[in-house]
Amino acid sequence: MVGMKVTLRLRMSAHDAHYAGELVDGARMLALFGDLATELLIRLDGDEGLFRAYESIEFLAPVFAGDYIEADAELIRIGGTSRQMRFEARKVVSNRRQDGFPASAADVLHSPVVVCRAVGTCVTPKELQRAPKELYMPGLPAGPAPTAEAIVTPESTESDVILTAAIVGAELTRAQTKYLPITPDEIGDEAARCREAGAAVIHLHVRNDDGSNTQAADRFAAAIEKIRAKTDCVIQTTTGGAVGMSIEERAQPLQCKPEMATLNCGSLNFGDDVFINTRAQIRGLAAAIRAAGSMAELECYEVGHVEEALRLAAEGVIDAPLHFQFVLGVPGGIGAREDVVRFMQTLVPTSGNTRATFGVAAVGRFQQPMTELAMRLGGHARVGLEDNIYLSKGVLSEGSAPLVARAASYARSIGRTPADPTRARQLLGLRAMASVASK
């Protein structure tokens, strides 16, 4: 049940104000976290349990009387009696408090302000754990951030959602790689766990035994063999590699003739580096992907990358159906915001000969809200430690599967069904793979 989440929203009253008549005591946020922890324990164990300790607490912004606070708690690790949780409180409505405005003026914050974060551990003694595991209640996903208009799943939206698990990653520090699968056996096992959690596609990078990045075809072949032995997932190899790799290096995985391969559709300031991908190089990789018999997944880190992908389709360099992956929140790339997703979605063809689907991958703390937004808007989602390595060690040690499980739980809560690999191939327009689908 890692990934179970509960949430609440309430208004801070004048009674909550502790300093200068308006400022709310930070302990009020911790009281909310305590209520959320209790609900999680009741849903998990059938008992209120006890709060043992906070591992970390961050007070990040002031809270005033009249503010509306939305707080949630997420279960991130389960021991024999211990339950570790992550908490976050956000200000979603704020009084204006400016000269020239009446005292009753207030605003909905379209970008909620995080006011407090914490990680804590609760305990439920074994003799008080009443809920049988087969009867555990499902987690309650957090609702969308308040907006001017209600967000609903469109009636025409395909109910099935494709979840992609990015389990290895390229642009990570050497220290972070200890949390990732490295050997082919480890990659195969992690792919199987993600498949069981609800993933239909495995987005694949590989590494040398020492954890360094590589695009070597033999390393990809070994990993793919192990994945194929354990799961029927669609395998999507990268041709992005890492910053500084040559086009020849990046194209090596195509020797394995994967079902899908990523095509980065432009250059990008990538953190402190620059990821170079000229238009000629993009077209060269597109031709190589086509020659390998693979489908190109169009990775777009900027709006201009979407436009470039549409030009490739118009030129006949890539074939329909198209599948876009909007990668948001990379330092140097486009931001991870709702208005960005909505705008980029408008560029995706929905009719005519160029049929297309889209998914969202967002980095760090943006992964969960942005992929959940994509699912509400009818798109698909990529999750996993490649994009979300910032998480606490308790989650990292469990790999990417908990992140897939959390996304799958959210999808079901809004009426969408995580597609199995066979259904994902149908939605993407991939050829059926009888030898794989029979496993």
Protein backbone atom coordinates (compact mmCIF):
# COMPACT_ATOMS: atom_id res chain seq x y z
CA MET A 1 0.00 0.00 0.00
CA VAL A 2 2.97 2.35 -0.45
CA GLY A 3 1.54 5.37 -2.24
CA MET A 4 -1.76 5.46 -0.30
CA LYS A 5 -2.72 9.10 0.18
CA VAL A 6 -5.32 11.08 2.11
CA THR A 7 -6.04 14.78 1.93
CA LEU A 8 -8.05 17.51 3.64
CA ARG A 9 -8.76 21.19 3.09
CA LEU A 10 -9.89 23.74 5.65
CA ARG A 11 -9.80 27.45 6.43
CA MET A 12 -7.58 28.95 9.10
CA SER A 13 -9.77 30.86 11.54
CA ALA A 14 -9.07 33.81 13.78
CA HIS A 15 -8.81 31.27 16.60
CA ASP A 16 -5.80 29.72 14.80
CA ALA A 17 -3.97 33.05 14.60
CA HIS A 18 -1.28 33.16 17.27
CA TYR A 19 1.13 36.00 16.42
CA ALA A 20 0.31 39.67 15.75
CA GLY A 21 -3.37 38.78 15.57
CA GLU A 22 -3.09 37.24 12.10
CA LEU A 23 -0.13 34.84 11.75
CA VAL A 24 -0.95 31.16 12.32
CA ASP A 25 1.36 29.11 14.53
CA GLY A 26 3.39 26.52 12.60
CA ALA A 27 2.21 23.91 15.09
CA ARG A 28 -1.23 24.18 13.44
CA MET A 29 0.17 22.56 10.31
CA LEU A 30 1.59 19.74 12.40
CA ALA A 31 -1.85 19.23 13.96
CA LEU A 32 -3.26 18.79 10.45
CA PHE A 33 -0.51 16.30 9.67
CA GLY A 34 -1.43 14.39 12.83
CA ASP A 35 -5.06 14.11 11.70
CA LEU A 36 -3.97 12.91 8.27
CA ALA A 37 -1.61 10.35 9.78
CA THR A 38 -4.43 9.02 11.93
CA GLU A 39 -6.68 8.55 8.90
CA LEU A 40 -3.92 6.71 7.04
CA LEU A 41 -3.41 4.40 10.01
CA ILE A 42 -7.15 3.71 10.29
CA ARG A 43 -7.34 2.87 6.61
CA LEU A 44 -4.26 0.67 6.78
CA ASP A 45 -4.60 -1.00 10.19
CA GLY A 46 -8.08 -0.31 11.50
CA ASP A 47 -6.52 1.51 14.44
CA GLU A 48 -5.51 5.10 15.17
CA GLY A 49 -1.97 4.09 16.11
CA LEU A 50 0.59 6.49 17.56
CA PHE A 51 2.80 9.21 16.09
CA ARG A 52 6.38 8.34 17.05
CA ALA A 53 8.63 11.04 15.55
CA TYR A 54 9.23 13.52 12.76
CA GLU A 55 12.40 12.94 10.76
CA SER A 56 12.20 16.38 9.15
CA ILE A 57 9.98 19.46 9.25
CA GLU A 58 10.23 22.49 6.96
CA PHE A 59 8.18 25.66 7.45
CA LEU A 60 8.35 27.33 4.05
CA ALA A 61 5.81 30.18 3.96
CA PRO A 62 3.61 32.11 6.40
CA VAL A 63 -0.03 31.20 6.98
CA PHE A 64 -2.59 33.80 8.03
CA ALA A 65 -6.11 33.73 9.39
CA GLY A 66 -8.51 33.39 6.47
CA ASP A 67 -6.14 31.31 4.32
CA TYR A 68 -7.39 27.98 2.97
CA ILE A 69 -4.91 25.15 3.49
CA GLU A 70 -4.91 21.87 1.60
CA ALA A 71 -2.81 19.19 3.29
CA ASP A 72 -2.07 15.62 2.34
CA ALA A 73 -0.21 12.63 3.70
CA GLU A 74 1.27 9.81 1.70
CA LEU A 75 2.41 6.43 2.97
CA ILE A 76 5.98 5.87 1.75
CA ARG A 77 7.22 2.89 3.78
CA ILE A 78 5.67 0.06 5.81
CA GLY A 79 7.52 -1.95 8.44
CA GLY A 80 6.27 -4.58 10.87
CA THR A 81 4.75 -1.90 13.11
CA SER A 82 6.16 1.34 11.69
CA ARG A 83 4.53 3.42 8.95
CA GLN A 84 6.59 6.22 7.42
CA MET A 85 4.67 9.09 5.84
CA ARG A 86 5.37 12.22 3.84
CA PHE A 87 3.28 15.33 4.55
CA GLU A 88 2.71 18.56 2.61
CA ALA A 89 0.49 21.58 3.31
CA ARG A 90 -0.30 24.12 0.60
CA LYS A 91 -2.05 27.48 0.67
CA VAL A 92 -4.74 27.40 -2.05
CA VAL A 93 -6.74 30.53 -1.18
CA SER A 94 -5.32 33.69 0.38
CA ASN A 95 -6.78 36.95 1.64
CA ARG A 96 -5.61 39.86 -0.54
CA ARG A 97 -4.40 42.01 2.40
CA GLN A 98 -3.40 44.96 0.24
CA ASP A 99 -4.16 48.64 0.44
CA GLY A 100 -7.00 49.63 -1.84
CA PHE A 101 -8.82 46.30 -1.43
CA PRO A 102 -11.60 45.54 1.06
CA ALA A 103 -10.68 43.39 4.05
CA SER A 104 -12.84 40.59 2.65
CA ALA A 105 -10.96 40.37 -0.71
CA ALA A 106 -9.43 36.96 -1.36
CA ASP A 107 -7.80 35.14 -4.27
CA VAL A 108 -7.65 31.56 -5.49
CA LEU A 109 -3.97 30.69 -5.96
CA HIS A 110 -3.63 28.94 -9.30
CA SER A 111 -0.12 27.94 -8.23
CA PRO A 112 -0.61 26.84 -4.62
CA VAL A 113 2.09 27.91 -2.16
CA VAL A 114 3.73 25.10 -0.19
CA VAL A 115 3.78 26.26 3.42
CA CYS A 116 5.06 23.16 5.21
CA ARG A 117 6.61 19.78 4.44
CA ALA A 118 7.50 16.95 6.79
CA VAL A 119 8.41 13.30 7.00
CA GLY A 120 7.33 11.31 10.04
CA THR A 121 6.89 7.80 11.39
CA CYS A 122 3.88 6.34 13.15
CA VAL A 123 3.54 3.01 14.93
CA THR A 124 0.68 0.54 15.18
CA PRO A 125 1.44 -2.36 17.54
CA LYS A 126 0.91 -5.74 15.90
CA GLU A 127 -1.85 -6.73 18.31
CA LEU A 128 -3.81 -3.61 17.27
CA GLN A 129 -3.51 -4.15 13.51
CA ARG A 130 -7.11 -5.19 12.89
CA ALA A 131 -7.45 -4.81 9.11
CA PRO A 132 -6.68 -8.01 7.14
CA LYS A 133 -4.35 -7.20 4.28
CA GLU A 134 -6.84 -8.34 1.66
CA LEU A 135 -9.33 -5.78 3.02
CA TYR A 136 -7.07 -2.72 3.08
CA MET A 137 -8.91 0.34 1.86
CA PRO A 138 -7.50 1.99 -1.27
CA GLY A 139 -5.69 5.27 -0.96
CA LEU A 140 -7.52 8.53 -1.55
CA PRO A 141 -5.70 10.56 -4.24
CA ALA A 142 -5.27 14.27 -3.74
CA GLY A 143 -7.69 16.39 -5.72
CA PRO A 144 -6.48 18.81 -8.38
CA ALA A 145 -5.28 22.23 -7.35
CA PRO A 146 -8.10 24.81 -7.40
CA THR A 147 -8.56 26.51 -10.75
CA ALA A 148 -10.98 28.97 -12.28
CA GLU A 149 -12.74 26.07 -14.00
CA ALA A 150 -13.50 22.60 -12.73
CA ILE A 151 -11.28 19.85 -14.12
CA VAL A 152 -13.21 16.78 -15.24
CA THR A 153 -12.20 13.81 -17.33
CA PRO A 154 -13.63 14.51 -20.82
CA GLU A 155 -16.39 12.13 -21.90
CA SER A 156 -14.51 11.31 -25.11
CA THR A 157 -11.32 10.40 -23.27
CA GLU A 158 -10.03 6.89 -23.81
CA SER A 159 -10.55 5.15 -20.48
CA ASP A 160 -7.32 3.17 -20.69
CA VAL A 161 -4.12 4.90 -19.63
CA ILE A 162 -0.59 3.82 -20.55
CA LEU A 163 1.84 3.98 -17.64
CA THR A 164 5.52 4.05 -18.55
CA ALA A 165 8.16 3.18 -15.95
CA ALA A 166 11.51 4.96 -16.28
CA ILE A 167 13.58 2.70 -14.06
CA VAL A 168 17.27 3.51 -14.71
CA GLY A 169 17.96 7.03 -15.99
CA ALA A 170 20.92 8.87 -17.49
CA GLU A 171 21.50 12.32 -15.95
CA LEU A 172 22.06 11.19 -12.35
CA THR A 173 24.98 11.49 -9.98
CA ARG A 174 27.13 8.46 -9.25
CA ALA A 175 25.87 8.46 -5.65
CA GLN A 176 22.25 8.29 -6.82
CA THR A 177 22.84 5.24 -8.99
CA LYS A 178 23.03 2.99 -5.92
CA TYR A 179 19.23 3.17 -5.79
CA LEU A 180 18.82 2.05 -9.41
CA PRO A 181 18.96 -1.36 -11.10
CA ILE A 182 22.33 -1.73 -12.87
CA THR A 183 22.89 -5.35 -13.90
CA PRO A 184 20.64 -7.00 -16.52
CA ASP A 185 19.15 -9.25 -13.83
CA GLU A 186 18.35 -6.25 -11.63
CA ILE A 187 16.74 -4.43 -14.57
CA GLY A 188 14.66 -7.48 -15.45
CA ASP A 189 13.46 -7.87 -11.87
CA GLU A 190 12.59 -4.17 -11.58
CA ALA A 191 10.71 -4.26 -14.89
CA ALA A 192 8.67 -7.20 -13.61
CA ARG A 193 7.81 -5.35 -10.39
CA CYS A 194 6.72 -2.31 -12.39
CA ARG A 195 4.63 -4.49 -14.70
CA GLU A 196 2.88 -5.98 -11.68
CA ALA A 197 2.25 -2.46 -10.32
CA GLY A 198 0.55 -1.37 -13.56
CA ALA A 199 3.23 -0.33 -16.07
CA ALA A 200 2.84 -1.29 -19.73
CA VAL A 201 6.03 0.34 -21.08
CA ILE A 202 9.60 0.22 -19.77
CA HIS A 203 11.65 3.30 -20.70
CA LEU A 204 15.18 1.94 -20.77
CA HIS A 205 18.60 3.43 -20.17
CA VAL A 206 21.49 1.16 -19.20
CA ARG A 207 24.73 1.61 -17.28
CA ASN A 208 28.10 -0.02 -17.00
CA ASP A 209 28.80 -2.15 -13.93
CA ASP A 210 30.48 0.84 -12.26
CA GLY A 211 27.30 2.92 -12.68
CA SER A 212 28.58 5.11 -15.55
CA ASN A 213 26.32 5.95 -18.49
CA THR A 214 26.55 3.90 -21.66
CA GLN A 215 24.63 3.41 -24.89
CA ALA A 216 26.47 0.18 -25.78
CA ALA A 217 24.27 -2.14 -27.82
CA ASP A 218 25.46 -5.25 -25.97
CA ARG A 219 24.39 -3.78 -22.61
CA PHE A 220 20.95 -2.96 -24.00
CA ALA A 221 20.66 -6.43 -25.54
CA ALA A 222 21.47 -8.09 -22.22
CA ALA A 223 18.93 -5.96 -20.34
CA ILE A 224 16.23 -6.49 -22.96
CA GLU A 225 16.75 -10.25 -22.83
CA LYS A 226 16.16 -10.26 -19.07
CA ILE A 227 13.09 -8.01 -19.36
CA ARG A 228 11.63 -10.23 -22.06
CA ALA A 229 12.20 -13.29 -19.89
CA LYS A 230 10.15 -11.80 -17.04
CA THR A 231 7.50 -9.55 -18.57
CA ASP A 232 5.55 -8.70 -21.71
CA CYS A 233 6.06 -4.92 -21.39
CA VAL A 234 6.74 -2.72 -24.39
CA ILE A 235 10.43 -1.83 -24.31
CA GLN A 236 11.29 1.72 -25.23
CA THR A 237 15.02 2.35 -25.54
CA THR A 238 16.54 5.79 -25.36
CA THR A 239 18.46 7.48 -28.14
CA GLY A 240 18.95 10.52 -25.90
CA GLY A 241 21.70 8.91 -23.87
CA ALA A 242 23.36 11.58 -21.77
CA VAL A 243 24.75 15.06 -22.31
CA GLY A 244 27.90 14.93 -24.44
CA MET A 245 27.27 11.60 -26.17
CA SER A 246 27.74 11.46 -29.92
CA ILE A 247 24.89 10.66 -32.30
CA GLU A 248 26.62 7.38 -33.20
CA GLU A 249 26.70 6.38 -29.51
CA ARG A 250 23.10 7.39 -28.99
CA ALA A 251 21.92 5.28 -31.94
CA GLN A 252 23.52 2.04 -30.70
CA PRO A 253 20.43 0.72 -28.87
CA LEU A 254 18.61 0.63 -32.22
CA GLN A 255 20.72 -2.39 -33.13
CA CYS A 256 18.45 -4.29 -30.73
CA LYS A 257 15.40 -3.32 -32.85
CA PRO A 258 13.20 -2.27 -29.90
CA GLU A 259 9.48 -1.76 -30.35
CA MET A 260 9.89 1.91 -29.44
CA ALA A 261 12.77 4.36 -29.20
CA THR A 262 12.82 7.94 -27.97
CA LEU A 263 13.50 10.78 -30.39
CA ASN A 264 14.53 14.03 -28.69
CA CYS A 265 13.04 16.75 -30.87
CA GLY A 266 15.46 19.62 -30.21
CA SER A 267 18.36 21.04 -28.27
CA LEU A 268 18.05 22.13 -24.66
CA ASN A 269 19.88 23.92 -21.85
CA PHE A 270 19.98 20.89 -19.54
CA GLY A 271 20.85 22.06 -16.04
CA ASP A 272 24.38 23.45 -16.27
CA ASP A 273 25.02 21.61 -19.56
CA VAL A 274 23.66 21.82 -23.08
CA PHE A 275 22.02 18.88 -24.81
CA ILE A 276 22.78 19.35 -28.51
CA ASN A 277 20.40 17.90 -31.07
CA THR A 278 20.54 19.74 -34.41
CA ARG A 279 17.75 19.43 -36.95
CA ALA A 280 20.01 17.32 -39.17
CA GLN A 281 20.80 15.03 -36.23
CA ILE A 282 17.11 14.69 -35.37
CA ARG A 283 16.33 13.62 -38.91
CA GLY A 284 19.26 11.21 -38.92
CA LEU A 285 18.06 9.54 -35.73
CA ALA A 286 14.49 9.46 -37.03
CA ALA A 287 15.68 7.61 -40.13
CA ALA A 288 17.64 5.16 -37.96
CA ILE A 289 14.57 4.53 -35.78
CA ARG A 290 12.49 3.83 -38.86
CA ALA A 291 15.17 1.51 -40.28
CA ALA A 292 15.14 -0.45 -37.00
CA GLY A 293 11.38 -0.98 -37.37
CA SER A 294 10.76 0.95 -34.15
CA MET A 295 8.14 3.55 -33.29
CA ALA A 296 9.50 6.95 -32.33
CA GLU A 297 8.37 8.39 -29.02
CA LEU A 298 8.67 12.15 -29.49
CA GLU A 299 10.32 13.64 -26.40
CA CYS A 300 9.54 17.35 -26.14
CA TYR A 301 11.18 19.55 -23.51
CA GLU A 302 9.92 22.78 -25.11
CA VAL A 303 6.93 23.94 -27.16
CA GLY A 304 9.24 24.31 -30.16
CA HIS A 305 10.08 20.61 -29.92
CA VAL A 306 6.41 19.79 -30.49
CA GLU A 307 6.37 22.00 -33.56
CA GLU A 308 9.52 20.30 -34.87
CA ALA A 309 7.95 16.86 -34.39
CA LEU A 310 4.90 17.97 -36.38
CA ARG A 311 7.23 19.13 -39.17
CA LEU A 312 8.91 15.73 -39.19
CA ALA A 313 5.51 14.11 -39.64
CA ALA A 314 4.55 16.56 -42.41
CA GLU A 315 7.83 15.80 -44.20
CA GLY A 316 7.23 12.06 -43.93
CA VAL A 317 10.34 11.54 -41.79
CA ILE A 318 8.28 9.86 -39.06
CA ASP A 319 5.08 7.88 -39.43
CA ALA A 320 1.69 8.20 -37.80
CA PRO A 321 0.38 7.40 -35.30
CA LEU A 322 2.52 9.77 -33.23
CA HIS A 323 3.17 9.55 -29.52
CA PHE A 324 4.40 12.70 -27.74
CA GLN A 325 6.10 12.72 -24.35
CA PHE A 326 6.10 16.17 -22.73
CA VAL A 327 9.09 16.29 -20.35
CA LEU A 328 8.52 19.14 -17.90
CA GLY A 329 10.46 20.83 -15.14
CA VAL A 330 14.02 20.18 -16.36
CA PRO A 331 16.19 23.18 -15.36
CA GLY A 332 16.62 24.99 -18.66
CA GLY A 333 13.43 23.57 -20.17
CA ILE A 334 9.77 24.49 -20.01
CA GLY A 335 8.16 24.64 -16.57
CA ALA A 336 5.95 22.00 -14.98
CA ARG A 337 2.64 23.86 -14.78
CA GLU A 338 -0.96 23.21 -15.66
CA ASP A 339 -1.09 25.96 -18.29
CA VAL A 340 1.93 24.41 -20.02
CA VAL A 341 0.32 20.95 -20.22
CA ARG A 342 -2.96 22.38 -21.47
CA PHE A 343 -1.26 24.44 -24.16
CA MET A 344 1.02 21.65 -25.37
CA GLN A 345 -1.99 19.35 -25.50
CA THR A 346 -3.68 21.73 -27.96
CA LEU A 347 -0.81 21.14 -30.42
CA VAL A 348 -1.35 17.38 -30.50
CA PRO A 349 -3.38 16.34 -33.58
CA THR A 350 -6.70 14.74 -32.71
CA SER A 351 -8.10 14.11 -36.17
CA GLY A 352 -7.05 13.60 -39.76
CA ASN A 353 -4.22 11.41 -40.97
CA THR A 354 -1.82 12.39 -38.18
CA ARG A 355 -3.45 10.72 -35.19
CA ALA A 356 -1.50 11.24 -31.97
CA THR A 357 -1.44 10.48 -28.28
CA PHE A 358 0.47 12.27 -25.54
CA GLY A 359 1.95 11.57 -22.14
CA VAL A 360 3.66 13.65 -19.48
CA ALA A 361 6.91 13.04 -17.62
CA ALA A 362 7.87 15.62 -15.00
CA VAL A 363 10.96 15.75 -12.83
CA GLY A 364 11.35 15.77 -9.05
CA ARG A 365 8.45 16.99 -6.98
CA PHE A 366 6.55 17.89 -10.15
CA GLN A 367 6.20 14.27 -11.27
CA GLN A 368 3.09 13.38 -9.30
CA PRO A 369 0.93 16.50 -9.88
CA MET A 370 1.81 16.76 -13.57
CA THR A 371 1.29 13.09 -14.44
CA GLU A 372 -2.00 13.11 -12.52
CA LEU A 373 -3.06 16.22 -14.47
CA ALA A 374 -2.18 14.47 -17.73
CA MET A 375 -4.38 11.54 -16.78
CA ARG A 376 -7.28 13.86 -15.96
CA LEU A 377 -6.86 15.50 -19.38
CA GLY A 378 -6.97 12.19 -21.21
CA GLY A 379 -3.22 11.66 -21.61
CA HIS A 380 -0.77 9.06 -20.42
CA ALA A 381 2.00 9.20 -17.82
CA ARG A 382 5.66 8.31 -17.25
CA VAL A 383 6.85 7.80 -13.70
CA GLY A 384 9.91 6.29 -12.06
CA LEU A 385 13.17 7.09 -10.34
CA GLU A 386 14.84 8.34 -13.53
CA ASP A 387 12.77 11.51 -13.18
CA ASN A 388 12.07 11.41 -9.45
CA ILE A 389 15.33 10.56 -7.72
CA TYR A 390 14.82 13.30 -5.12
CA LEU A 391 12.57 11.07 -3.02
CA SER A 392 13.50 9.89 0.45
CA LYS A 393 15.71 6.84 0.82
CA GLY A 394 12.81 4.80 2.14
CA VAL A 395 11.10 5.01 -1.24
CA LEU A 396 14.27 4.85 -3.29
CA SER A 397 15.20 1.51 -1.81
CA GLU A 398 11.90 0.13 -3.11
CA GLY A 399 12.67 1.14 -6.71
CA SER A 400 10.22 2.61 -9.23
CA ALA A 401 7.36 0.17 -8.63
CA PRO A 402 5.78 2.21 -5.78
CA LEU A 403 5.60 5.25 -8.05
CA VAL A 404 3.88 3.14 -10.72
CA ALA A 405 1.46 1.75 -8.13
CA ARG A 406 0.60 5.27 -6.95
CA ALA A 407 -0.09 6.40 -10.52
CA ALA A 408 -2.20 3.31 -11.21
CA SER A 409 -4.24 3.90 -8.05
CA TYR A 410 -4.88 7.50 -9.07
CA ALA A 411 -5.89 6.46 -12.59
CA ARG A 412 -8.50 4.06 -11.24
CA SER A 413 -9.84 6.72 -8.88
CA ILE A 414 -10.78 8.94 -11.83
CA GLY A 415 -12.28 6.14 -13.91
CA ARG A 416 -9.27 5.22 -16.03
CA THR A 417 -7.80 1.74 -16.27
CA PRO A 418 -4.04 1.10 -16.47
CA ALA A 419 -3.57 -0.60 -19.83
CA ASP A 420 -1.77 -3.93 -19.97
CA PRO A 421 1.01 -4.22 -22.58
CA THR A 422 -1.28 -5.81 -25.18
CA ARG A 423 -3.78 -2.97 -24.89
CA ALA A 424 -0.96 -0.39 -24.84
CA ARG A 425 0.30 -1.75 -28.17
CA GLN A 426 -3.18 -1.28 -29.61
CA LEU A 427 -3.46 2.28 -28.34
CA LEU A 428 0.00 3.22 -29.64
CA GLY A 429 -0.46 1.52 -32.99
CA LEU A 430 2.40 -0.95 -32.46
CA ARG A 431 2.46 -4.28 -34.20
CA ALA A 432 1.31 -7.17 -32.03
CA MET A 433 4.17 -9.22 -30.67
CA ALA A 434 2.89 -12.78 -30.35
CA SER A 435 6.13 -14.09 -28.88
CA VAL A 436 5.97 -11.49 -26.11
CA ALA A 437 2.24 -11.27 -25.50
CA SER A 438 2.08 -15.03 -24.87
CA LYS A 439 4.41 -14.81 -21.84
